[in-house]
Amino acid sequence: MRQNAARTGDVGGSVLLLDLNAVRPRERPEAFHHALTDSSVPNDVVHEEPATGIHARMEAWRVGGLDLFATRNSGFEVRRTERHVRHHRSHPVVSVSLQTEGTHRAEVGGVRRLLGPDDICVFHELSSRVYGWSGDGASQAMMLDMNRLGVPPDVVVKASARLRASPMHDLVLNHLRGVWRDPGRLEGDPGAPALAAATTELVRALLLSAAHAEEAPEVRSVMDETLLTRVKTYVRHHLADRELTPERIAAAHAISVRRLYLLLGEAGISLEQWLITERLAKARQMLAAARYDRLTVAAVAARCGFSSPSHFSRRFRAEYGRTPNEWRRTRQE
């Protein structure tokens, strides 16, 4: 993450690095990239939404020598290649982040992982990687000086893929959550330097523990066991998106399209039919709710991901035995 971004204002003890609501739409990609990275910490940034759909808010704190960075933004992916690493000119740091909103994707050394709110994500600045999320998401990261951390890059990379195998994982997770509870208040506290030192020591202990731990099968399978639930939740959250394709759903969960169809097939789900069923159910709920009375049937169809109102009406009647207008009038009677 960019560590020397210009300060644009103070918000509740934090430094506001970026608020894209105050930036012209066509200038947002460049502003986002400038706030997230610079020539000393090179990355490629790819946005999920077109330029006009990008939104982001980034804030920073400094607690006893630790740089803290929080962002809440639309879907994106930041990529650091070997070429970027070769041109790295800043003092190397290790970033330790929490995923506070959304399902995040990370890839280091060809190993892909999905990260949720109960995971810690660790990156070494001198390692290539891919990181991002689909839809709206948020993360909280702190930067640890590599020299103070004292853990070799290869150990950091090895440990980062198996942090949950360490018995210290939850202890460190709770500590990090505590630091993030009110970083603005901690900034000026006389105990902040000692807190920063203790945090560095805890992260070092976690990395050394994880690097030498044997990863239990139940740890490796926890994300797999919840994959179907997460796919369903993601789809229901994005029903209005007409571009909700199998490819996009699979990419959002770091799996292949083939794996997606196998997963759904094992559950007896036909993706295309299930999507239509879910969209029709959402439309029926909207038509039955008084707060949507001002919306036309065509508008309801659009909000549920149907591009053709006539196609929507035919499918709705086939599913429920009534047209959308008839369903709405029944509720109003």
C-alpha atoms as a PDB file:
ATOM      1  CA  MET A   1       0.000   0.000   0.000  1.00  0.00           C
ATOM      2  CA  ARG A   2       1.119   3.523  -0.671  1.00  0.00           C
ATOM      3  CA  GLN A   3       2.694   4.921   2.484  1.00  0.00           C
ATOM      4  CA  ASN A   4       3.450   8.503   1.436  1.00  0.00           C
ATOM      5  CA  ALA A   5       0.097   9.556   0.032  1.00  0.00           C
ATOM      6  CA  ALA A   6      -0.780  13.216   0.293  1.00  0.00           C
ATOM      7  CA  ARG A   7      -3.019  14.137   3.193  1.00  0.00           C
ATOM      8  CA  THR A   8      -6.360  15.480   2.102  1.00  0.00           C
ATOM      9  CA  GLY A   9      -7.987  16.003   5.484  1.00  0.00           C
ATOM     10  CA  ASP A  10      -8.520  14.616   8.926  1.00  0.00           C
ATOM     11  CA  VAL A  11     -11.591  12.556   9.792  1.00  0.00           C
ATOM     12  CA  GLY A  12     -12.041  11.449  13.399  1.00  0.00           C
ATOM     13  CA  GLY A  13      -8.298  11.117  14.036  1.00  0.00           C
ATOM     14  CA  SER A  14      -7.603   9.464  10.696  1.00  0.00           C
ATOM     15  CA  VAL A  15      -6.020  10.910   7.593  1.00  0.00           C
ATOM     16  CA  LEU A  16      -8.378  10.800   4.634  1.00  0.00           C
ATOM     17  CA  LEU A  17      -6.274   9.562   1.723  1.00  0.00           C
ATOM     18  CA  LEU A  18      -9.025   9.293  -0.849  1.00  0.00           C
ATOM     19  CA  ASP A  19     -12.752   9.755  -1.335  1.00  0.00           C
ATOM     20  CA  LEU A  20     -13.716   9.094  -4.943  1.00  0.00           C
ATOM     21  CA  ASN A  21     -17.088  10.774  -4.424  1.00  0.00           C
ATOM     22  CA  ALA A  22     -15.150  14.022  -4.672  1.00  0.00           C
ATOM     23  CA  VAL A  23     -13.351  12.984  -7.878  1.00  0.00           C
ATOM     24  CA  ARG A  24     -14.651  13.254 -11.425  1.00  0.00           C
ATOM     25  CA  PRO A  25     -15.673   9.832 -12.788  1.00  0.00           C
ATOM     26  CA  ARG A  26     -13.128   9.836 -15.615  1.00  0.00           C
ATOM     27  CA  GLU A  27     -10.332  10.645 -13.170  1.00  0.00           C
ATOM     28  CA  ARG A  28     -11.232   7.978 -10.613  1.00  0.00           C
ATOM     29  CA  PRO A  29      -9.067   5.089 -11.914  1.00  0.00           C
ATOM     30  CA  GLU A  30      -5.949   7.266 -11.853  1.00  0.00           C
ATOM     31  CA  ALA A  31      -6.785   8.698  -8.432  1.00  0.00           C
ATOM     32  CA  PHE A  32      -7.405   5.215  -7.034  1.00  0.00           C
ATOM     33  CA  HIS A  33      -4.112   3.932  -8.427  1.00  0.00           C
ATOM     34  CA  HIS A  34      -2.234   6.956  -7.105  1.00  0.00           C
ATOM     35  CA  ALA A  35      -3.660   6.483  -3.599  1.00  0.00           C
ATOM     36  CA  LEU A  36      -3.007   2.740  -3.543  1.00  0.00           C
ATOM     37  CA  THR A  37       0.413   2.612  -5.142  1.00  0.00           C
ATOM     38  CA  ASP A  38       3.205   4.711  -6.596  1.00  0.00           C
ATOM     39  CA  SER A  39       6.518   4.249  -8.418  1.00  0.00           C
ATOM     40  CA  SER A  40       8.231   2.920  -5.291  1.00  0.00           C
ATOM     41  CA  VAL A  41       5.541   0.275  -4.697  1.00  0.00           C
ATOM     42  CA  PRO A  42       4.452  -0.711  -8.227  1.00  0.00           C
ATOM     43  CA  ASN A  43       1.262  -2.655  -8.919  1.00  0.00           C
ATOM     44  CA  ASP A  44      -1.234  -3.153 -11.709  1.00  0.00           C
ATOM     45  CA  VAL A  45      -4.818  -2.363 -10.706  1.00  0.00           C
ATOM     46  CA  VAL A  46      -7.830  -3.761 -12.555  1.00  0.00           C
ATOM     47  CA  HIS A  47     -11.323  -2.551 -11.695  1.00  0.00           C
ATOM     48  CA  GLU A  48     -14.421  -4.731 -11.868  1.00  0.00           C
ATOM     49  CA  GLU A  49     -16.695  -1.799 -12.717  1.00  0.00           C
ATOM     50  CA  PRO A  50     -16.307   0.749 -15.504  1.00  0.00           C
ATOM     51  CA  ALA A  51     -14.748   4.063 -14.575  1.00  0.00           C
ATOM     52  CA  THR A  52     -18.053   5.666 -13.623  1.00  0.00           C
ATOM     53  CA  GLY A  53     -18.828   2.804 -11.242  1.00  0.00           C
ATOM     54  CA  ILE A  54     -15.633   2.945  -9.201  1.00  0.00           C
ATOM     55  CA  HIS A  55     -16.023   4.143  -5.636  1.00  0.00           C
ATOM     56  CA  ALA A  56     -13.545   4.110  -2.773  1.00  0.00           C
ATOM     57  CA  ARG A  57     -12.729   5.672   0.564  1.00  0.00           C
ATOM     58  CA  MET A  58      -9.244   5.224   2.056  1.00  0.00           C
ATOM     59  CA  GLU A  59      -8.040   6.348   5.466  1.00  0.00           C
ATOM     60  CA  ALA A  60      -4.768   6.028   7.378  1.00  0.00           C
ATOM     61  CA  TRP A  61      -3.460   6.203  10.956  1.00  0.00           C
ATOM     62  CA  ARG A  62      -0.019   5.913  12.542  1.00  0.00           C
ATOM     63  CA  VAL A  63       0.088   4.113  15.870  1.00  0.00           C
ATOM     64  CA  GLY A  64       3.469   4.030  17.558  1.00  0.00           C
ATOM     65  CA  GLY A  65       5.401   3.466  14.339  1.00  0.00           C
ATOM     66  CA  LEU A  66       2.818   1.199  12.705  1.00  0.00           C
ATOM     67  CA  ASP A  67       1.146   2.507   9.549  1.00  0.00           C
ATOM     68  CA  LEU A  68      -2.535   1.515   9.422  1.00  0.00           C
ATOM     69  CA  PHE A  69      -4.551   1.686   6.216  1.00  0.00           C
ATOM     70  CA  ALA A  70      -8.279   1.048   5.730  1.00  0.00           C
ATOM     71  CA  THR A  71     -10.181   0.975   2.463  1.00  0.00           C
ATOM     72  CA  ARG A  72     -13.776   0.383   1.446  1.00  0.00           C
ATOM     73  CA  ASN A  73     -14.215   0.205  -2.308  1.00  0.00           C
ATOM     74  CA  SER A  74     -15.860  -1.420  -5.301  1.00  0.00           C
ATOM     75  CA  GLY A  75     -14.562  -4.634  -6.823  1.00  0.00           C
ATOM     76  CA  PHE A  76     -10.950  -4.606  -7.955  1.00  0.00           C
ATOM     77  CA  GLU A  77      -7.805  -6.675  -8.265  1.00  0.00           C
ATOM     78  CA  VAL A  78      -4.270  -5.504  -7.553  1.00  0.00           C
ATOM     79  CA  ARG A  79      -1.524  -7.505  -9.211  1.00  0.00           C
ATOM     80  CA  ARG A  80       2.163  -7.475  -8.370  1.00  0.00           C
ATOM     81  CA  THR A  81       4.366  -9.425 -10.767  1.00  0.00           C
ATOM     82  CA  GLU A  82       8.023 -10.399 -10.660  1.00  0.00           C
ATOM     83  CA  ARG A  83       8.659  -7.381 -12.875  1.00  0.00           C
ATOM     84  CA  HIS A  84       7.132  -5.131 -10.233  1.00  0.00           C
ATOM     85  CA  VAL A  85       9.201  -6.747  -7.505  1.00  0.00           C
ATOM     86  CA  ARG A  86      12.419  -6.163  -9.458  1.00  0.00           C
ATOM     87  CA  HIS A  87      11.608  -2.451  -9.639  1.00  0.00           C
ATOM     88  CA  HIS A  88      10.660  -2.146  -5.982  1.00  0.00           C
ATOM     89  CA  ARG A  89      12.603   0.756  -4.480  1.00  0.00           C
ATOM     90  CA  SER A  90      10.980   1.384  -1.105  1.00  0.00           C
ATOM     91  CA  HIS A  91      11.996  -0.092   2.207  1.00  0.00           C
ATOM     92  CA  PRO A  92      10.315  -3.532   2.287  1.00  0.00           C
ATOM     93  CA  VAL A  93       7.412  -4.067   4.643  1.00  0.00           C
ATOM     94  CA  VAL A  94       5.004  -6.876   5.477  1.00  0.00           C
ATOM     95  CA  SER A  95       1.312  -6.063   5.305  1.00  0.00           C
ATOM     96  CA  VAL A  96      -1.079  -7.767   7.702  1.00  0.00           C
ATOM     97  CA  SER A  97      -4.733  -7.271   6.847  1.00  0.00           C
ATOM     98  CA  LEU A  98      -8.220  -8.182   8.011  1.00  0.00           C
ATOM     99  CA  GLN A  99     -11.096  -8.675   5.572  1.00  0.00           C
ATOM    100  CA  THR A 100     -13.944  -6.759   7.160  1.00  0.00           C
ATOM    101  CA  GLU A 101     -16.443  -6.966   4.302  1.00  0.00           C
ATOM    102  CA  GLY A 102     -16.810  -9.317   1.346  1.00  0.00           C
ATOM    103  CA  THR A 103     -14.971 -12.464   0.288  1.00  0.00           C
ATOM    104  CA  HIS A 104     -11.426 -11.629  -0.708  1.00  0.00           C
ATOM    105  CA  ARG A 105      -9.189 -13.496  -3.154  1.00  0.00           C
ATOM    106  CA  ALA A 106      -5.452 -13.874  -2.678  1.00  0.00           C
ATOM    107  CA  GLU A 107      -2.844 -15.694  -4.722  1.00  0.00           C
ATOM    108  CA  VAL A 108       0.822 -16.102  -3.827  1.00  0.00           C
ATOM    109  CA  GLY A 109       3.171 -18.541  -5.514  1.00  0.00           C
ATOM    110  CA  GLY A 110       0.357 -20.018  -7.582  1.00  0.00           C
ATOM    111  CA  VAL A 111      -1.652 -20.896  -4.467  1.00  0.00           C
ATOM    112  CA  ARG A 112      -5.132 -19.373  -4.409  1.00  0.00           C
ATOM    113  CA  ARG A 113      -7.046 -18.692  -1.229  1.00  0.00           C
ATOM    114  CA  LEU A 114     -10.375 -17.200  -0.271  1.00  0.00           C
ATOM    115  CA  LEU A 115     -10.352 -14.987   2.798  1.00  0.00           C
ATOM    116  CA  GLY A 116     -13.207 -13.956   5.045  1.00  0.00           C
ATOM    117  CA  PRO A 117     -13.700 -11.968   8.253  1.00  0.00           C
ATOM    118  CA  ASP A 118     -12.046 -14.646  10.410  1.00  0.00           C
ATOM    119  CA  ASP A 119      -8.839 -14.759   8.378  1.00  0.00           C
ATOM    120  CA  ILE A 120      -5.566 -12.857   8.558  1.00  0.00           C
ATOM    121  CA  CYS A 121      -3.917 -12.036   5.236  1.00  0.00           C
ATOM    122  CA  VAL A 122      -0.144 -11.528   5.130  1.00  0.00           C
ATOM    123  CA  PHE A 123       1.882 -10.257   2.166  1.00  0.00           C
ATOM    124  CA  HIS A 124       5.585  -9.562   1.844  1.00  0.00           C
ATOM    125  CA  GLU A 125       6.249  -6.521  -0.346  1.00  0.00           C
ATOM    126  CA  LEU A 126       8.988  -8.431  -2.176  1.00  0.00           C
ATOM    127  CA  SER A 127       6.692 -11.255  -3.283  1.00  0.00           C
ATOM    128  CA  SER A 128       4.491 -11.322  -6.358  1.00  0.00           C
ATOM    129  CA  ARG A 129       0.804 -11.764  -5.637  1.00  0.00           C
ATOM    130  CA  VAL A 130      -2.791 -11.068  -6.646  1.00  0.00           C
ATOM    131  CA  TYR A 131      -5.354  -9.654  -4.243  1.00  0.00           C
ATOM    132  CA  GLY A 132      -8.849  -8.252  -4.544  1.00  0.00           C
ATOM    133  CA  TRP A 133     -12.568  -8.855  -4.272  1.00  0.00           C
ATOM    134  CA  SER A 134     -15.770  -8.760  -6.287  1.00  0.00           C
ATOM    135  CA  GLY A 135     -18.520  -6.272  -5.508  1.00  0.00           C
ATOM    136  CA  ASP A 136     -18.194  -3.955  -2.528  1.00  0.00           C
ATOM    137  CA  GLY A 137     -15.564  -4.926   0.013  1.00  0.00           C
ATOM    138  CA  ALA A 138     -13.380  -3.538   2.766  1.00  0.00           C
ATOM    139  CA  SER A 139     -10.083  -4.319   4.436  1.00  0.00           C
ATOM    140  CA  GLN A 140      -7.885  -3.041   7.245  1.00  0.00           C
ATOM    141  CA  ALA A 141      -4.117  -3.406   6.854  1.00  0.00           C
ATOM    142  CA  MET A 142      -1.112  -2.525   8.933  1.00  0.00           C
ATOM    143  CA  MET A 143       2.453  -2.267   7.618  1.00  0.00           C
ATOM    144  CA  LEU A 144       5.277  -3.824   9.618  1.00  0.00           C
ATOM    145  CA  ASP A 145       8.896  -2.880   9.025  1.00  0.00           C
ATOM    146  CA  MET A 146      10.674  -5.946   7.638  1.00  0.00           C
ATOM    147  CA  ASN A 147      13.868  -5.299   9.594  1.00  0.00           C
ATOM    148  CA  ARG A 148      11.992  -5.029  12.889  1.00  0.00           C
ATOM    149  CA  LEU A 149       9.919  -8.099  12.074  1.00  0.00           C
ATOM    150  CA  GLY A 150      13.077 -10.099  11.390  1.00  0.00           C
ATOM    151  CA  VAL A 151      11.449 -12.916   9.398  1.00  0.00           C
ATOM    152  CA  PRO A 152      13.003 -13.903   6.025  1.00  0.00           C
ATOM    153  CA  PRO A 153      10.818 -13.350   2.937  1.00  0.00           C
ATOM    154  CA  ASP A 154      10.577 -17.073   2.123  1.00  0.00           C
ATOM    155  CA  VAL A 155       9.331 -17.806   5.645  1.00  0.00           C
ATOM    156  CA  VAL A 156       6.706 -15.045   5.362  1.00  0.00           C
ATOM    157  CA  VAL A 157       5.471 -16.457   2.052  1.00  0.00           C
ATOM    158  CA  LYS A 158       5.375 -20.018   3.396  1.00  0.00           C
ATOM    159  CA  ALA A 159       3.583 -19.002   6.571  1.00  0.00           C
ATOM    160  CA  SER A 160       1.052 -16.770   4.799  1.00  0.00           C
ATOM    161  CA  ALA A 161      -0.608 -19.778   3.159  1.00  0.00           C
ATOM    162  CA  ARG A 162      -1.090 -21.667   6.418  1.00  0.00           C
ATOM    163  CA  LEU A 163      -1.733 -19.147   9.170  1.00  0.00           C
ATOM    164  CA  ARG A 164      -4.781 -21.030  10.443  1.00  0.00           C
ATOM    165  CA  ALA A 165      -2.580 -24.051  11.128  1.00  0.00           C
ATOM    166  CA  SER A 166      -0.935 -22.125  13.953  1.00  0.00           C
ATOM    167  CA  PRO A 167      -2.484 -22.333  17.435  1.00  0.00           C
ATOM    168  CA  MET A 168      -1.659 -18.625  17.706  1.00  0.00           C
ATOM    169  CA  HIS A 169      -3.929 -17.595  14.835  1.00  0.00           C
ATOM    170  CA  ASP A 170      -7.039 -16.691  16.830  1.00  0.00           C
ATOM    171  CA  LEU A 171      -5.018 -15.004  19.561  1.00  0.00           C
ATOM    172  CA  VAL A 172      -3.324 -12.707  17.015  1.00  0.00           C
ATOM    173  CA  LEU A 173      -6.620 -12.191  15.145  1.00  0.00           C
ATOM    174  CA  ASN A 174      -8.306 -10.920  18.305  1.00  0.00           C
ATOM    175  CA  HIS A 175      -5.338  -8.665  19.056  1.00  0.00           C
ATOM    176  CA  LEU A 176      -5.480  -7.114  15.574  1.00  0.00           C
ATOM    177  CA  ARG A 177      -9.221  -6.577  15.902  1.00  0.00           C
ATOM    178  CA  GLY A 178      -8.579  -4.809  19.187  1.00  0.00           C
ATOM    179  CA  VAL A 179      -6.059  -2.457  17.591  1.00  0.00           C
ATOM    180  CA  TRP A 180      -8.551  -1.632  14.850  1.00  0.00           C
ATOM    181  CA  ARG A 181     -11.408  -0.984  17.265  1.00  0.00           C
ATOM    182  CA  ASP A 182     -10.332   2.645  17.731  1.00  0.00           C
ATOM    183  CA  PRO A 183      -6.963   3.401  16.076  1.00  0.00           C
ATOM    184  CA  GLY A 184      -7.580   7.143  16.271  1.00  0.00           C
ATOM    185  CA  ARG A 185      -7.656   7.019  20.052  1.00  0.00           C
ATOM    186  CA  LEU A 186      -4.517   4.865  20.144  1.00  0.00           C
ATOM    187  CA  GLU A 187      -2.482   7.272  17.988  1.00  0.00           C
ATOM    188  CA  GLY A 188      -1.869   9.759  20.780  1.00  0.00           C
ATOM    189  CA  ASP A 189      -1.699   7.292  23.636  1.00  0.00           C
ATOM    190  CA  PRO A 190       1.675   7.214  25.476  1.00  0.00           C
ATOM    191  CA  GLY A 191       1.595   3.428  25.277  1.00  0.00           C
ATOM    192  CA  ALA A 192       1.382   3.404  21.453  1.00  0.00           C
ATOM    193  CA  PRO A 193       5.090   2.597  20.844  1.00  0.00           C
ATOM    194  CA  ALA A 194       4.906  -0.362  23.221  1.00  0.00           C
ATOM    195  CA  LEU A 195       1.699  -1.509  21.511  1.00  0.00           C
ATOM    196  CA  ALA A 196       3.399  -1.337  18.102  1.00  0.00           C
ATOM    197  CA  ALA A 197       6.324  -3.386  19.406  1.00  0.00           C
ATOM    198  CA  ALA A 198       3.994  -5.969  20.958  1.00  0.00           C
ATOM    199  CA  THR A 199       1.990  -6.220  17.728  1.00  0.00           C
ATOM    200  CA  THR A 200       5.179  -6.816  15.724  1.00  0.00           C
ATOM    201  CA  GLU A 201       6.253  -9.526  18.170  1.00  0.00           C
ATOM    202  CA  LEU A 202       2.857 -11.250  17.967  1.00  0.00           C
ATOM    203  CA  VAL A 203       2.922 -11.266  14.167  1.00  0.00           C
ATOM    204  CA  ARG A 204       6.478 -12.633  14.214  1.00  0.00           C
ATOM    205  CA  ALA A 205       5.378 -15.430  16.556  1.00  0.00           C
ATOM    206  CA  LEU A 206       2.415 -16.256  14.300  1.00  0.00           C
ATOM    207  CA  LEU A 207       4.579 -16.398  11.165  1.00  0.00           C
ATOM    208  CA  LEU A 208       7.235 -18.604  12.747  1.00  0.00           C
ATOM    209  CA  SER A 209       4.577 -20.875  14.221  1.00  0.00           C
ATOM    210  CA  ALA A 210       2.626 -21.190  10.970  1.00  0.00           C
ATOM    211  CA  ALA A 211       5.725 -21.781   8.852  1.00  0.00           C
ATOM    212  CA  HIS A 212       6.551 -24.895  10.888  1.00  0.00           C
ATOM    213  CA  ALA A 213       3.047 -26.135  11.619  1.00  0.00           C
ATOM    214  CA  GLU A 214       1.435 -29.115   9.939  1.00  0.00           C
ATOM    215  CA  GLU A 215      -1.763 -27.909   8.354  1.00  0.00           C
ATOM    216  CA  ALA A 216      -4.670 -30.024   9.531  1.00  0.00           C
ATOM    217  CA  PRO A 217      -7.123 -31.350   6.900  1.00  0.00           C
ATOM    218  CA  GLU A 218     -10.016 -29.629   8.637  1.00  0.00           C
ATOM    219  CA  VAL A 219      -8.216 -26.284   8.304  1.00  0.00           C
ATOM    220  CA  ARG A 220      -7.674 -26.770   4.576  1.00  0.00           C
ATOM    221  CA  SER A 221     -11.259 -27.832   3.981  1.00  0.00           C
ATOM    222  CA  VAL A 222     -13.108 -25.135   5.911  1.00  0.00           C
ATOM    223  CA  MET A 223     -13.461 -22.839   2.906  1.00  0.00           C
ATOM    224  CA  ASP A 224     -14.428 -25.746   0.656  1.00  0.00           C
ATOM    225  CA  GLU A 225     -17.173 -26.806   3.051  1.00  0.00           C
ATOM    226  CA  THR A 226     -18.763 -23.374   2.933  1.00  0.00           C
ATOM    227  CA  LEU A 227     -18.254 -22.801  -0.791  1.00  0.00           C
ATOM    228  CA  LEU A 228     -21.808 -23.674  -1.851  1.00  0.00           C
ATOM    229  CA  THR A 229     -23.279 -21.360   0.790  1.00  0.00           C
ATOM    230  CA  ARG A 230     -20.967 -18.548  -0.246  1.00  0.00           C
ATOM    231  CA  VAL A 231     -21.818 -19.010  -3.918  1.00  0.00           C
ATOM    232  CA  LYS A 232     -25.551 -18.873  -3.158  1.00  0.00           C
ATOM    233  CA  THR A 233     -25.111 -15.768  -1.012  1.00  0.00           C
ATOM    234  CA  TYR A 234     -23.052 -14.057  -3.698  1.00  0.00           C
ATOM    235  CA  VAL A 235     -25.604 -14.839  -6.421  1.00  0.00           C
ATOM    236  CA  ARG A 236     -28.531 -13.580  -4.341  1.00  0.00           C
ATOM    237  CA  HIS A 237     -26.631 -10.386  -3.598  1.00  0.00           C
ATOM    238  CA  HIS A 238     -26.010  -9.775  -7.326  1.00  0.00           C
ATOM    239  CA  LEU A 239     -29.349 -10.819  -8.835  1.00  0.00           C
ATOM    240  CA  ALA A 240     -29.849  -7.377 -10.385  1.00  0.00           C
ATOM    241  CA  ASP A 241     -26.617  -7.733 -12.356  1.00  0.00           C
ATOM    242  CA  ARG A 242     -27.438  -8.829 -15.887  1.00  0.00           C
ATOM    243  CA  GLU A 243     -23.776  -9.756 -16.381  1.00  0.00           C
ATOM    244  CA  LEU A 244     -23.923 -12.351 -13.617  1.00  0.00           C
ATOM    245  CA  THR A 245     -22.357 -15.077 -15.734  1.00  0.00           C
ATOM    246  CA  PRO A 246     -20.920 -18.445 -14.635  1.00  0.00           C
ATOM    247  CA  GLU A 247     -17.477 -17.026 -15.406  1.00  0.00           C
ATOM    248  CA  ARG A 248     -18.004 -14.075 -13.078  1.00  0.00           C
ATOM    249  CA  ILE A 249     -19.415 -16.212 -10.275  1.00  0.00           C
ATOM    250  CA  ALA A 250     -16.488 -18.622 -10.557  1.00  0.00           C
ATOM    251  CA  ALA A 251     -13.907 -15.822 -10.636  1.00  0.00           C
ATOM    252  CA  ALA A 252     -15.417 -14.217  -7.541  1.00  0.00           C
ATOM    253  CA  HIS A 253     -14.705 -17.434  -5.642  1.00  0.00           C
ATOM    254  CA  ALA A 254     -11.316 -18.249  -7.198  1.00  0.00           C
ATOM    255  CA  ILE A 255     -12.544 -21.466  -8.812  1.00  0.00           C
ATOM    256  CA  SER A 256     -12.936 -22.661 -12.385  1.00  0.00           C
ATOM    257  CA  VAL A 257     -16.273 -22.647 -14.191  1.00  0.00           C
ATOM    258  CA  ARG A 258     -16.036 -26.441 -14.337  1.00  0.00           C
ATOM    259  CA  ARG A 259     -15.631 -26.594 -10.543  1.00  0.00           C
ATOM    260  CA  LEU A 260     -18.631 -24.278 -10.159  1.00  0.00           C
ATOM    261  CA  TYR A 261     -20.879 -26.529 -12.243  1.00  0.00           C
ATOM    262  CA  LEU A 262     -19.641 -29.633 -10.417  1.00  0.00           C
ATOM    263  CA  LEU A 263     -20.346 -27.989  -7.066  1.00  0.00           C
ATOM    264  CA  LEU A 264     -23.872 -27.028  -8.055  1.00  0.00           C
ATOM    265  CA  GLY A 265     -24.490 -30.343  -9.786  1.00  0.00           C
ATOM    266  CA  GLU A 266     -23.631 -32.237  -6.609  1.00  0.00           C
ATOM    267  CA  ALA A 267     -26.297 -30.142  -4.854  1.00  0.00           C
ATOM    268  CA  GLY A 268     -28.820 -30.864  -7.602  1.00  0.00           C
ATOM    269  CA  ILE A 269     -28.823 -27.268  -8.819  1.00  0.00           C
ATOM    270  CA  SER A 270     -28.990 -26.149 -12.445  1.00  0.00           C
ATOM    271  CA  LEU A 271     -27.309 -22.744 -12.402  1.00  0.00           C
ATOM    272  CA  GLU A 272     -29.309 -21.126 -15.197  1.00  0.00           C
ATOM    273  CA  GLN A 273     -32.679 -22.355 -13.920  1.00  0.00           C
ATOM    274  CA  TRP A 274     -31.800 -21.523 -10.327  1.00  0.00           C
ATOM    275  CA  LEU A 275     -30.845 -17.970 -11.323  1.00  0.00           C
ATOM    276  CA  ILE A 276     -34.218 -17.453 -12.990  1.00  0.00           C
ATOM    277  CA  THR A 277     -36.051 -18.944 -10.018  1.00  0.00           C
ATOM    278  CA  GLU A 278     -34.217 -16.682  -7.583  1.00  0.00           C
ATOM    279  CA  ARG A 279     -34.845 -13.618  -9.727  1.00  0.00           C
ATOM    280  CA  LEU A 280     -38.542 -14.429 -10.044  1.00  0.00           C
ATOM    281  CA  ALA A 281     -38.813 -14.927  -6.286  1.00  0.00           C
ATOM    282  CA  LYS A 282     -37.183 -11.550  -5.677  1.00  0.00           C
ATOM    283  CA  ALA A 283     -39.553  -9.919  -8.177  1.00  0.00           C
ATOM    284  CA  ARG A 284     -42.561 -11.505  -6.479  1.00  0.00           C
ATOM    285  CA  GLN A 285     -41.415 -10.101  -3.129  1.00  0.00           C
ATOM    286  CA  MET A 286     -40.999  -6.639  -4.613  1.00  0.00           C
ATOM    287  CA  LEU A 287     -44.416  -6.719  -6.281  1.00  0.00           C
ATOM    288  CA  ALA A 288     -45.973  -7.729  -2.954  1.00  0.00           C
ATOM    289  CA  ALA A 289     -44.308  -4.879  -1.044  1.00  0.00           C
ATOM    290  CA  ALA A 290     -46.116  -1.534  -0.879  1.00  0.00           C
ATOM    291  CA  ARG A 291     -42.839   0.400  -0.908  1.00  0.00           C
ATOM    292  CA  TYR A 292     -42.278  -0.636  -4.537  1.00  0.00           C
ATOM    293  CA  ASP A 293     -45.732   0.409  -5.775  1.00  0.00           C
ATOM    294  CA  ARG A 294     -44.267   3.379  -7.643  1.00  0.00           C
ATOM    295  CA  LEU A 295     -42.080   1.087  -9.745  1.00  0.00           C
ATOM    296  CA  THR A 296     -43.484  -0.195 -13.012  1.00  0.00           C
ATOM    297  CA  VAL A 297     -43.392  -3.918 -13.725  1.00  0.00           C
ATOM    298  CA  ALA A 298     -40.602  -3.230 -16.221  1.00  0.00           C
ATOM    299  CA  ALA A 299     -38.589  -1.456 -13.510  1.00  0.00           C
ATOM    300  CA  VAL A 300     -39.076  -4.370 -11.118  1.00  0.00           C
ATOM    301  CA  ALA A 301     -37.948  -6.756 -13.854  1.00  0.00           C
ATOM    302  CA  ALA A 302     -34.812  -4.695 -14.450  1.00  0.00           C
ATOM    303  CA  ARG A 303     -33.995  -4.599 -10.740  1.00  0.00           C
ATOM    304  CA  CYS A 304     -34.194  -8.380 -10.687  1.00  0.00           C
ATOM    305  CA  GLY A 305     -31.834  -8.882 -13.613  1.00  0.00           C
ATOM    306  CA  PHE A 306     -34.310  -9.333 -16.481  1.00  0.00           C
ATOM    307  CA  SER A 307     -33.416  -7.417 -19.640  1.00  0.00           C
ATOM    308  CA  SER A 308     -36.790  -8.031 -21.342  1.00  0.00           C
ATOM    309  CA  PRO A 309     -40.067  -7.111 -19.576  1.00  0.00           C
ATOM    310  CA  SER A 310     -42.066  -9.397 -21.863  1.00  0.00           C
ATOM    311  CA  HIS A 311     -39.754 -12.335 -21.156  1.00  0.00           C
ATOM    312  CA  PHE A 312     -40.042 -11.579 -17.442  1.00  0.00           C
ATOM    313  CA  SER A 313     -43.848 -11.535 -17.608  1.00  0.00           C
ATOM    314  CA  ARG A 314     -43.966 -14.871 -19.439  1.00  0.00           C
ATOM    315  CA  ARG A 315     -41.622 -16.546 -16.962  1.00  0.00           C
ATOM    316  CA  PHE A 316     -43.463 -15.026 -14.002  1.00  0.00           C
ATOM    317  CA  ARG A 317     -46.826 -16.308 -15.204  1.00  0.00           C
ATOM    318  CA  ALA A 318     -45.391 -19.757 -15.930  1.00  0.00           C
ATOM    319  CA  GLU A 319     -43.944 -19.887 -12.413  1.00  0.00           C
ATOM    320  CA  TYR A 320     -46.823 -18.436 -10.386  1.00  0.00           C
ATOM    321  CA  GLY A 321     -49.899 -18.779 -12.617  1.00  0.00           C
ATOM    322  CA  ARG A 322     -50.494 -15.030 -12.698  1.00  0.00           C
ATOM    323  CA  THR A 323     -49.014 -12.083 -14.526  1.00  0.00           C
ATOM    324  CA  PRO A 324     -46.929  -9.605 -12.497  1.00  0.00           C
ATOM    325  CA  ASN A 325     -49.749  -7.033 -12.669  1.00  0.00           C
ATOM    326  CA  GLU A 326     -52.287  -9.612 -11.496  1.00  0.00           C
ATOM    327  CA  TRP A 327     -50.026 -10.558  -8.598  1.00  0.00           C
ATOM    328  CA  ARG A 328     -49.677  -6.928  -7.587  1.00  0.00           C
ATOM    329  CA  ARG A 329     -53.421  -6.259  -7.791  1.00  0.00           C
ATOM    330  CA  THR A 330     -54.127  -9.310  -5.623  1.00  0.00           C
ATOM    331  CA  ARG A 331     -51.938  -7.866  -2.893  1.00  0.00           C
ATOM    332  CA  GLN A 332     -53.603  -4.463  -3.191  1.00  0.00           C
ATOM    333  CA  GLU A 333     -57.153  -5.806  -2.922  1.00  0.00           C
END
